[in-house]
PDB file of N, CA and C in Angstrom:
ATOM      1  N   UNK A   1       0.865   0.127  -3.555  1.00  0.00           N
ATOM      2  CA  UNK A   1       0.776   1.293  -2.628  1.00  0.00           C
ATOM      3  C   UNK A   1       0.989   0.947  -1.255  1.00  0.00           C
ATOM      4  N   UNK A   2       1.694   1.717  -0.507  1.00  0.00           N
ATOM      5  CA  UNK A   2       1.779   1.529   0.847  1.00  0.00           C
ATOM      6  C   UNK A   2       1.804   2.813   1.680  1.00  0.00           C
ATOM      7  N   UNK A   3       1.135   2.907   2.742  1.00  0.00           N
ATOM      8  CA  UNK A   3       1.105   4.039   3.598  1.00  0.00           C
ATOM      9  C   UNK A   3       0.635   5.265   2.873  1.00  0.00           C
ATOM     10  N   UNK A   4      -0.123   5.284   1.982  1.00  0.00           N
ATOM     11  CA  UNK A   4      -0.587   6.445   0.965  1.00  0.00           C
ATOM     12  C   UNK A   4       0.320   6.879  -0.013  1.00  0.00           C
ATOM     13  N   UNK A   5       1.524   6.111  -0.128  1.00  0.00           N
ATOM     14  CA  UNK A   5       2.404   6.344  -1.299  1.00  0.00           C
ATOM     15  C   UNK A   5       2.296   5.434  -2.291  1.00  0.00           C
ATOM     16  N   UNK A   6       2.311   5.948  -3.496  1.00  0.00           N
ATOM     17  CA  UNK A   6       2.127   5.159  -4.731  1.00  0.00           C
ATOM     18  C   UNK A   6       3.442   4.840  -5.361  1.00  0.00           C
ATOM     19  N   UNK A   7       3.796   3.666  -5.614  1.00  0.00           N
ATOM     20  CA  UNK A   7       5.171   3.284  -6.137  1.00  0.00           C
ATOM     21  C   UNK A   7       4.933   2.730  -7.543  1.00  0.00           C
ATOM     22  N   UNK A   8       5.950   2.926  -8.447  1.00  0.00           N
ATOM     23  CA  UNK A   8       5.919   2.312  -9.736  1.00  0.00           C
ATOM     24  C   UNK A   8       6.553   1.008  -9.635  1.00  0.00           C
ATOM     25  N   UNK A   9       5.842  -0.153  -9.652  1.00  0.00           N
ATOM     26  CA  UNK A   9       6.436  -1.509  -9.534  1.00  0.00           C
ATOM     27  C   UNK A   9       6.416  -2.142 -10.898  1.00  0.00           C
ATOM     28  N   UNK A  10       6.143  -1.456 -11.960  1.00  0.00           N
ATOM     29  CA  UNK A  10       6.019  -1.762 -13.370  1.00  0.00           C
ATOM     30  C   UNK A  10       7.150  -2.863 -13.805  1.00  0.00           C
ATOM     31  N   UNK A  11       8.373  -2.405 -13.471  1.00  0.00           N
ATOM     32  CA  UNK A  11       9.502  -3.305 -13.926  1.00  0.00           C
ATOM     33  C   UNK A  11       9.889  -4.445 -12.977  1.00  0.00           C
ATOM     34  N   UNK A  12       9.080  -4.571 -11.850  1.00  0.00           N
ATOM     35  CA  UNK A  12       9.313  -5.618 -10.880  1.00  0.00           C
ATOM     36  C   UNK A  12       8.764  -6.981 -11.339  1.00  0.00           C
ATOM     37  N   UNK A  13       9.601  -7.957 -11.205  1.00  0.00           N
ATOM     38  CA  UNK A  13       9.050  -9.316 -11.602  1.00  0.00           C
ATOM     39  C   UNK A  13       8.057  -9.868 -10.639  1.00  0.00           C
ATOM     40  N   UNK A  14       7.907  -9.269  -9.410  1.00  0.00           N
ATOM     41  CA  UNK A  14       7.041  -9.847  -8.424  1.00  0.00           C
ATOM     42  C   UNK A  14       5.640  -9.451  -8.521  1.00  0.00           C
ATOM     43  N   UNK A  15       5.356  -8.378  -9.340  1.00  0.00           N
ATOM     44  CA  UNK A  15       3.879  -7.821  -9.343  1.00  0.00           C
ATOM     45  C   UNK A  15       3.221  -8.153 -10.614  1.00  0.00           C
ATOM     46  N   UNK A  16       3.870  -8.793 -11.502  1.00  0.00           N
ATOM     47  CA  UNK A  16       3.127  -9.063 -12.900  1.00  0.00           C
ATOM     48  C   UNK A  16       2.061 -10.167 -12.677  1.00  0.00           C
ATOM     49  N   UNK A  17       1.229 -10.343 -13.634  1.00  0.00           N
ATOM     50  CA  UNK A  17       0.181 -11.191 -13.758  1.00  0.00           C
ATOM     51  C   UNK A  17       0.778 -12.697 -13.361  1.00  0.00           C
ATOM     52  N   UNK A  18       0.206 -13.323 -12.327  1.00  0.00           N
ATOM     53  CA  UNK A  18       0.545 -14.709 -11.902  1.00  0.00           C
ATOM     54  C   UNK A  18       1.679 -14.830 -11.189  1.00  0.00           C
ATOM     55  N   UNK A  19       2.352 -13.506 -10.743  1.00  0.00           N
ATOM     56  CA  UNK A  19       3.409 -13.551  -9.829  1.00  0.00           C
ATOM     57  C   UNK A  19       3.097 -13.489  -8.384  1.00  0.00           C
ATOM     58  N   UNK A  20       3.983 -13.703  -7.410  1.00  0.00           N
ATOM     59  CA  UNK A  20       3.757 -13.704  -6.017  1.00  0.00           C
ATOM     60  C   UNK A  20       2.949 -12.556  -5.527  1.00  0.00           C
ATOM     61  N   UNK A  21       3.261 -11.297  -5.806  1.00  0.00           N
ATOM     62  CA  UNK A  21       2.651 -10.172  -5.294  1.00  0.00           C
ATOM     63  C   UNK A  21       1.668  -9.439  -6.262  1.00  0.00           C
ATOM     64  N   UNK A  22       1.301 -10.079  -7.192  1.00  0.00           N
ATOM     65  CA  UNK A  22       0.402  -9.608  -8.275  1.00  0.00           C
ATOM     66  C   UNK A  22      -0.854  -8.924  -7.612  1.00  0.00           C
ATOM     67  N   UNK A  23      -1.349  -9.658  -6.581  1.00  0.00           N
ATOM     68  CA  UNK A  23      -2.586  -9.373  -5.837  1.00  0.00           C
ATOM     69  C   UNK A  23      -2.507  -7.880  -5.435  1.00  0.00           C
ATOM     70  N   UNK A  24      -1.444  -7.369  -5.083  1.00  0.00           N
ATOM     71  CA  UNK A  24      -1.145  -6.042  -4.570  1.00  0.00           C
ATOM     72  C   UNK A  24      -1.073  -4.897  -5.664  1.00  0.00           C
ATOM     73  N   UNK A  25      -0.769  -5.297  -6.826  1.00  0.00           N
ATOM     74  CA  UNK A  25      -0.664  -4.388  -7.885  1.00  0.00           C
ATOM     75  C   UNK A  25      -2.017  -3.503  -8.143  1.00  0.00           C
ATOM     76  N   UNK A  26      -1.811  -2.201  -8.130  1.00  0.00           N
ATOM     77  CA  UNK A  26      -2.952  -1.340  -8.314  1.00  0.00           C
ATOM     78  C   UNK A  26      -3.918  -1.171  -7.084  1.00  0.00           C
ATOM     79  N   UNK A  27      -3.321  -1.694  -6.012  1.00  0.00           N
ATOM     80  CA  UNK A  27      -4.142  -1.618  -4.766  1.00  0.00           C
ATOM     81  C   UNK A  27      -3.421  -0.984  -3.523  1.00  0.00           C
ATOM     82  N   UNK A  28      -4.148  -0.503  -2.501  1.00  0.00           N
ATOM     83  CA  UNK A  28      -3.630  -0.099  -1.329  1.00  0.00           C
ATOM     84  C   UNK A  28      -3.356  -1.439  -0.623  1.00  0.00           C
ATOM     85  N   UNK A  29      -1.999  -1.701  -0.445  1.00  0.00           N
ATOM     86  CA  UNK A  29      -1.691  -2.977   0.206  1.00  0.00           C
ATOM     87  C   UNK A  29      -1.145  -2.758   1.622  1.00  0.00           C
ATOM     88  N   UNK A  30      -1.298  -1.429   2.248  1.00  0.00           N
ATOM     89  CA  UNK A  30      -0.656  -1.180   3.415  1.00  0.00           C
ATOM     90  C   UNK A  30      -1.118  -2.054   4.516  1.00  0.00           C
ATOM     91  N   UNK A  31      -2.472  -2.253   4.782  1.00  0.00           N
ATOM     92  CA  UNK A  31      -2.980  -3.217   5.721  1.00  0.00           C
ATOM     93  C   UNK A  31      -2.500  -4.556   5.612  1.00  0.00           C
ATOM     94  N   UNK A  32      -2.390  -5.116   4.396  1.00  0.00           N
ATOM     95  CA  UNK A  32      -2.087  -6.458   4.096  1.00  0.00           C
ATOM     96  C   UNK A  32      -0.524  -6.553   4.393  1.00  0.00           C
ATOM     97  N   UNK A  33       0.266  -5.655   3.994  1.00  0.00           N
ATOM     98  CA  UNK A  33       1.702  -5.829   4.242  1.00  0.00           C
ATOM     99  C   UNK A  33       1.998  -5.718   5.610  1.00  0.00           C
ATOM    100  N   UNK A  34       1.313  -4.998   6.476  1.00  0.00           N
ATOM    101  CA  UNK A  34       1.456  -4.885   7.803  1.00  0.00           C
ATOM    102  C   UNK A  34       1.106  -6.192   8.583  1.00  0.00           C
ATOM    103  N   UNK A  35       0.049  -6.727   8.061  1.00  0.00           N
ATOM    104  CA  UNK A  35      -0.450  -8.085   8.666  1.00  0.00           C
ATOM    105  C   UNK A  35       0.225  -9.259   8.023  1.00  0.00           C
ATOM    106  N   UNK A  36       1.077  -9.000   6.894  1.00  0.00           N
ATOM    107  CA  UNK A  36       1.656 -10.039   6.127  1.00  0.00           C
ATOM    108  C   UNK A  36       0.533 -11.024   5.587  1.00  0.00           C
ATOM    109  N   UNK A  37      -0.454 -10.538   4.968  1.00  0.00           N
ATOM    110  CA  UNK A  37      -1.636 -11.182   4.566  1.00  0.00           C
ATOM    111  C   UNK A  37      -1.830 -11.026   3.119  1.00  0.00           C
ATOM    112  N   UNK A  38      -2.382 -12.123   2.413  1.00  0.00           N
ATOM    113  CA  UNK A  38      -2.819 -12.017   1.092  1.00  0.00           C
ATOM    114  C   UNK A  38      -4.385 -12.051   0.934  1.00  0.00           C
ATOM    115  N   UNK A  39      -4.995 -11.705   1.942  1.00  0.00           N
ATOM    116  CA  UNK A  39      -6.577 -11.822   1.959  1.00  0.00           C
ATOM    117  C   UNK A  39      -7.126 -10.492   1.133  1.00  0.00           C
ATOM    118  N   UNK A  40      -7.752 -10.883  -0.006  1.00  0.00           N
ATOM    119  CA  UNK A  40      -8.225  -9.948  -0.960  1.00  0.00           C
ATOM    120  C   UNK A  40      -9.314  -9.006  -0.325  1.00  0.00           C
ATOM    121  N   UNK A  41      -9.865  -9.339   0.742  1.00  0.00           N
ATOM    122  CA  UNK A  41     -10.976  -8.653   1.350  1.00  0.00           C
ATOM    123  C   UNK A  41     -10.429  -7.484   2.092  1.00  0.00           C
ATOM    124  N   UNK A  42      -9.092  -7.454   2.465  1.00  0.00           N
ATOM    125  CA  UNK A  42      -8.600  -6.263   3.127  1.00  0.00           C
ATOM    126  C   UNK A  42      -7.725  -5.388   2.301  1.00  0.00           C
ATOM    127  N   UNK A  43      -7.592  -5.671   1.059  1.00  0.00           N
ATOM    128  CA  UNK A  43      -6.887  -4.844   0.019  1.00  0.00           C
ATOM    129  C   UNK A  43      -7.705  -3.560   0.008  1.00  0.00           C
ATOM    130  N   UNK A  44      -7.101  -2.310  -0.085  1.00  0.00           N
ATOM    131  CA  UNK A  44      -7.660  -1.060  -0.203  1.00  0.00           C
ATOM    132  C   UNK A  44      -8.118  -0.702   1.139  1.00  0.00           C
ATOM    133  N   UNK A  45      -7.938  -1.377   2.306  1.00  0.00           N
ATOM    134  CA  UNK A  45      -8.340  -0.881   3.550  1.00  0.00           C
ATOM    135  C   UNK A  45      -7.549   0.322   3.992  1.00  0.00           C
ATOM    136  N   UNK A  46      -8.234   1.458   4.242  1.00  0.00           N
ATOM    137  CA  UNK A  46      -7.496   2.648   4.592  1.00  0.00           C
ATOM    138  C   UNK A  46      -7.330   2.786   6.135  1.00  0.00           C
ATOM    139  N   UNK A  47      -8.163   2.111   6.937  1.00  0.00           N
ATOM    140  CA  UNK A  47      -8.307   2.239   8.383  1.00  0.00           C
ATOM    141  C   UNK A  47      -7.128   1.385   8.880  1.00  0.00           C
ATOM    142  N   UNK A  48      -6.130   2.011   9.446  1.00  0.00           N
ATOM    143  CA  UNK A  48      -5.024   1.135   9.975  1.00  0.00           C
ATOM    144  C   UNK A  48      -4.950   1.282  11.448  1.00  0.00           C
ATOM    145  N   UNK A  49      -5.986   1.811  12.103  1.00  0.00           N
ATOM    146  CA  UNK A  49      -5.997   2.119  13.472  1.00  0.00           C
ATOM    147  C   UNK A  49      -6.003   0.899  14.359  1.00  0.00           C
ATOM    148  N   UNK A  50      -6.241  -0.234  13.914  1.00  0.00           N
ATOM    149  CA  UNK A  50      -6.243  -1.405  14.642  1.00  0.00           C
ATOM    150  C   UNK A  50      -4.953  -2.225  14.694  1.00  0.00           C
ATOM    151  N   UNK A  51      -3.988  -1.800  13.909  1.00  0.00           N
ATOM    152  CA  UNK A  51      -2.653  -2.450  13.770  1.00  0.00           C
ATOM    153  C   UNK A  51      -1.957  -2.448  15.125  1.00  0.00           C
ATOM    154  N   UNK A  52      -1.381  -3.431  15.522  1.00  0.00           N
ATOM    155  CA  UNK A  52      -0.441  -3.522  16.737  1.00  0.00           C
ATOM    156  C   UNK A  52       0.827  -2.884  16.393  1.00  0.00           C
ATOM    157  N   UNK A  53       1.561  -2.506  17.358  1.00  0.00           N
ATOM    158  CA  UNK A  53       2.784  -1.716  17.207  1.00  0.00           C
ATOM    159  C   UNK A  53       3.634  -2.606  16.324  1.00  0.00           C
ATOM    160  N   UNK A  54       3.849  -3.853  16.448  1.00  0.00           N
ATOM    161  CA  UNK A  54       4.770  -4.688  15.685  1.00  0.00           C
ATOM    162  C   UNK A  54       4.271  -4.649  14.175  1.00  0.00           C
ATOM    163  N   UNK A  55       2.977  -4.598  13.922  1.00  0.00           N
ATOM    164  CA  UNK A  55       2.440  -4.601  12.495  1.00  0.00           C
ATOM    165  C   UNK A  55       2.785  -3.169  11.909  1.00  0.00           C
ATOM    166  N   UNK A  56       2.720  -2.053  12.672  1.00  0.00           N
ATOM    167  CA  UNK A  56       2.965  -0.727  12.275  1.00  0.00           C
ATOM    168  C   UNK A  56       4.477  -0.727  11.920  1.00  0.00           C
ATOM    169  N   UNK A  57       5.303  -1.373  12.620  1.00  0.00           N
ATOM    170  CA  UNK A  57       6.761  -1.409  12.407  1.00  0.00           C
ATOM    171  C   UNK A  57       7.020  -2.284  11.179  1.00  0.00           C
ATOM    172  N   UNK A  58       6.241  -3.453  10.878  1.00  0.00           N
ATOM    173  CA  UNK A  58       6.424  -4.083   9.708  1.00  0.00           C
ATOM    174  C   UNK A  58       6.068  -3.215   8.456  1.00  0.00           C
ATOM    175  N   UNK A  59       5.041  -2.401   8.560  1.00  0.00           N
ATOM    176  CA  UNK A  59       4.536  -1.541   7.445  1.00  0.00           C
ATOM    177  C   UNK A  59       5.680  -0.533   7.221  1.00  0.00           C
ATOM    178  N   UNK A  60       6.287  -0.055   8.342  1.00  0.00           N
ATOM    179  CA  UNK A  60       7.341   1.026   8.177  1.00  0.00           C
ATOM    180  C   UNK A  60       8.531   0.298   7.477  1.00  0.00           C
ATOM    181  N   UNK A  61       8.938  -0.939   7.736  1.00  0.00           N
ATOM    182  CA  UNK A  61       9.889  -1.710   7.132  1.00  0.00           C
ATOM    183  C   UNK A  61       9.613  -1.894   5.696  1.00  0.00           C
ATOM    184  N   UNK A  62       8.332  -2.156   5.197  1.00  0.00           N
ATOM    185  CA  UNK A  62       7.917  -2.228   3.808  1.00  0.00           C
ATOM    186  C   UNK A  62       8.153  -0.821   3.178  1.00  0.00           C
ATOM    187  N   UNK A  63       7.734   0.116   3.782  1.00  0.00           N
ATOM    188  CA  UNK A  63       8.002   1.511   3.171  1.00  0.00           C
ATOM    189  C   UNK A  63       9.436   1.862   2.918  1.00  0.00           C
ATOM    190  N   UNK A  64      10.246   1.507   3.821  1.00  0.00           N
ATOM    191  CA  UNK A  64      11.672   1.684   3.709  1.00  0.00           C
ATOM    192  C   UNK A  64      12.177   0.911   2.394  1.00  0.00           C
ATOM    193  N   UNK A  65      11.809  -0.331   2.394  1.00  0.00           N
ATOM    194  CA  UNK A  65      12.241  -1.183   1.358  1.00  0.00           C
ATOM    195  C   UNK A  65      11.761  -0.680   0.004  1.00  0.00           C
ATOM    196  N   UNK A  66      10.455  -0.191  -0.083  1.00  0.00           N
ATOM    197  CA  UNK A  66       9.918   0.255  -1.273  1.00  0.00           C
ATOM    198  C   UNK A  66      10.565   1.548  -1.713  1.00  0.00           C
ATOM    199  N   UNK A  67      10.907   2.463  -0.676  1.00  0.00           N
ATOM    200  CA  UNK A  67      11.627   3.643  -1.012  1.00  0.00           C
ATOM    201  C   UNK A  67      12.969   3.361  -1.696  1.00  0.00           C
ATOM    202  N   UNK A  68      13.596   2.238  -1.341  1.00  0.00           N
ATOM    203  CA  UNK A  68      14.859   1.954  -1.801  1.00  0.00           C
ATOM    204  C   UNK A  68      14.780   1.288  -3.343  1.00  0.00           C
ATOM    205  N   UNK A  69      13.793   0.484  -3.478  1.00  0.00           N
ATOM    206  CA  UNK A  69      13.632  -0.400  -4.656  1.00  0.00           C
ATOM    207  C   UNK A  69      12.795   0.274  -5.758  1.00  0.00           C
ATOM    208  N   UNK A  70      11.772   1.075  -5.434  1.00  0.00           N
ATOM    209  CA  UNK A  70      10.763   1.512  -6.446  1.00  0.00           C
ATOM    210  C   UNK A  70      10.683   3.073  -6.506  1.00  0.00           C
ATOM    211  N   UNK A  71      10.317   3.599  -7.591  1.00  0.00           N
ATOM    212  CA  UNK A  71      10.222   5.027  -7.644  1.00  0.00           C
ATOM    213  C   UNK A  71       8.730   5.418  -7.178  1.00  0.00           C
ATOM    214  N   UNK A  72       8.752   6.449  -6.356  1.00  0.00           N
ATOM    215  CA  UNK A  72       7.572   6.921  -5.720  1.00  0.00           C
ATOM    216  C   UNK A  72       6.918   7.918  -6.801  1.00  0.00           C
ATOM    217  N   UNK A  73       5.692   7.638  -7.205  1.00  0.00           N
ATOM    218  CA  UNK A  73       4.986   8.365  -8.260  1.00  0.00           C
ATOM    219  C   UNK A  73       3.815   9.194  -7.823  1.00  0.00           C
ATOM    220  N   UNK A  74       3.627   9.136  -6.583  1.00  0.00           N
ATOM    221  CA  UNK A  74       2.413   9.962  -6.025  1.00  0.00           C
ATOM    222  C   UNK A  74       1.976   9.586  -4.619  1.00  0.00           C
ATOM    223  N   UNK A  75       0.968  10.305  -4.266  1.00  0.00           N
ATOM    224  CA  UNK A  75       0.361  10.071  -2.927  1.00  0.00           C
ATOM    225  C   UNK A  75      -1.127   9.932  -3.202  1.00  0.00           C
ATOM    226  N   UNK A  76      -1.723   9.184  -2.369  1.00  0.00           N
ATOM    227  CA  UNK A  76      -3.228   9.015  -2.428  1.00  0.00           C
ATOM    228  C   UNK A  76      -3.883  10.076  -1.533  1.00  0.00           C
ATOM    229  N   UNK A  77      -4.819  10.725  -2.133  1.00  0.00           N
ATOM    230  CA  UNK A  77      -5.637  11.764  -1.558  1.00  0.00           C
ATOM    231  C   UNK A  77      -7.024  11.068  -1.519  1.00  0.00           C
ATOM    232  N   UNK A  78      -7.569  10.945  -0.364  1.00  0.00           N
ATOM    233  CA  UNK A  78      -8.714  10.312  -0.107  1.00  0.00           C
ATOM    234  C   UNK A  78      -9.917  11.101  -0.892  1.00  0.00           C
ATOM    235  N   UNK A  79     -10.752  10.421  -1.473  1.00  0.00           N
ATOM    236  CA  UNK A  79     -11.909  11.068  -2.405  1.00  0.00           C
ATOM    237  C   UNK A  79     -12.676  12.122  -1.497  1.00  0.00           C
ATOM    238  N   UNK A  80     -12.907  11.872  -0.239  1.00  0.00           N
ATOM    239  CA  UNK A  80     -13.832  12.863   0.510  1.00  0.00           C
ATOM    240  C   UNK A  80     -12.922  14.170   0.629  1.00  0.00           C
ATOM    241  N   UNK A  81     -11.723  14.056   0.876  1.00  0.00           N
ATOM    242  CA  UNK A  81     -10.844  15.207   1.188  1.00  0.00           C
ATOM    243  C   UNK A  81     -10.591  16.017  -0.181  1.00  0.00           C
ATOM    244  N   UNK A  82     -10.495  15.196  -1.251  1.00  0.00           N
ATOM    245  CA  UNK A  82     -10.176  15.739  -2.472  1.00  0.00           C
ATOM    246  C   UNK A  82     -11.384  16.404  -3.081  1.00  0.00           C
ATOM    247  N   UNK A  83     -12.576  15.993  -2.678  1.00  0.00           N
ATOM    248  CA  UNK A  83     -13.831  16.493  -3.304  1.00  0.00           C
ATOM    249  C   UNK A  83     -14.585  17.548  -2.185  1.00  0.00           C
ATOM    250  N   UNK A  84     -13.899  17.856  -1.184  1.00  0.00           N
ATOM    251  CA  UNK A  84     -14.605  18.662  -0.123  1.00  0.00           C
ATOM    252  C   UNK A  84     -14.766  20.068  -0.677  1.00  0.00           C
ATOM    253  N   UNK A  85     -15.916  20.613  -0.543  1.00  0.00           N
ATOM    254  CA  UNK A  85     -16.287  21.900  -1.046  1.00  0.00           C
ATOM    255  C   UNK A  85     -15.910  22.917  -0.102  1.00  0.00           C
ATOM    256  N   UNK A  86     -15.436  24.179  -0.443  1.00  0.00           N
ATOM    257  CA  UNK A  86     -15.239  25.238   0.388  1.00  0.00           C
ATOM    258  C   UNK A  86     -16.460  25.673   0.961  1.00  0.00           C
ATOM    259  N   UNK A  87     -16.491  25.971   2.307  1.00  0.00           N
ATOM    260  CA  UNK A  87     -17.752  26.306   3.073  1.00  0.00           C
ATOM    261  C   UNK A  87     -17.798  27.901   3.243  1.00  0.00           C
TER     262      UNK A  87
END
């Protein structure tokens, strides 16, 4: 997943068990892709406010690439927003 978009990478050779990007499968990899990092501690990080301009551009480049290569299957709705009760 990148930038709150969920992609189906099932058929990709890169995301299977033991493959180069397997660490990202089933995770929000936005922060890691922007930083070009494989640090497991930052997977699923939703706060992107500290990204530098160049890192935001890097993430945008990944989104463009994923849009071309993979099918978009959904968007992430944060739990708090999804479960907000009407007042």
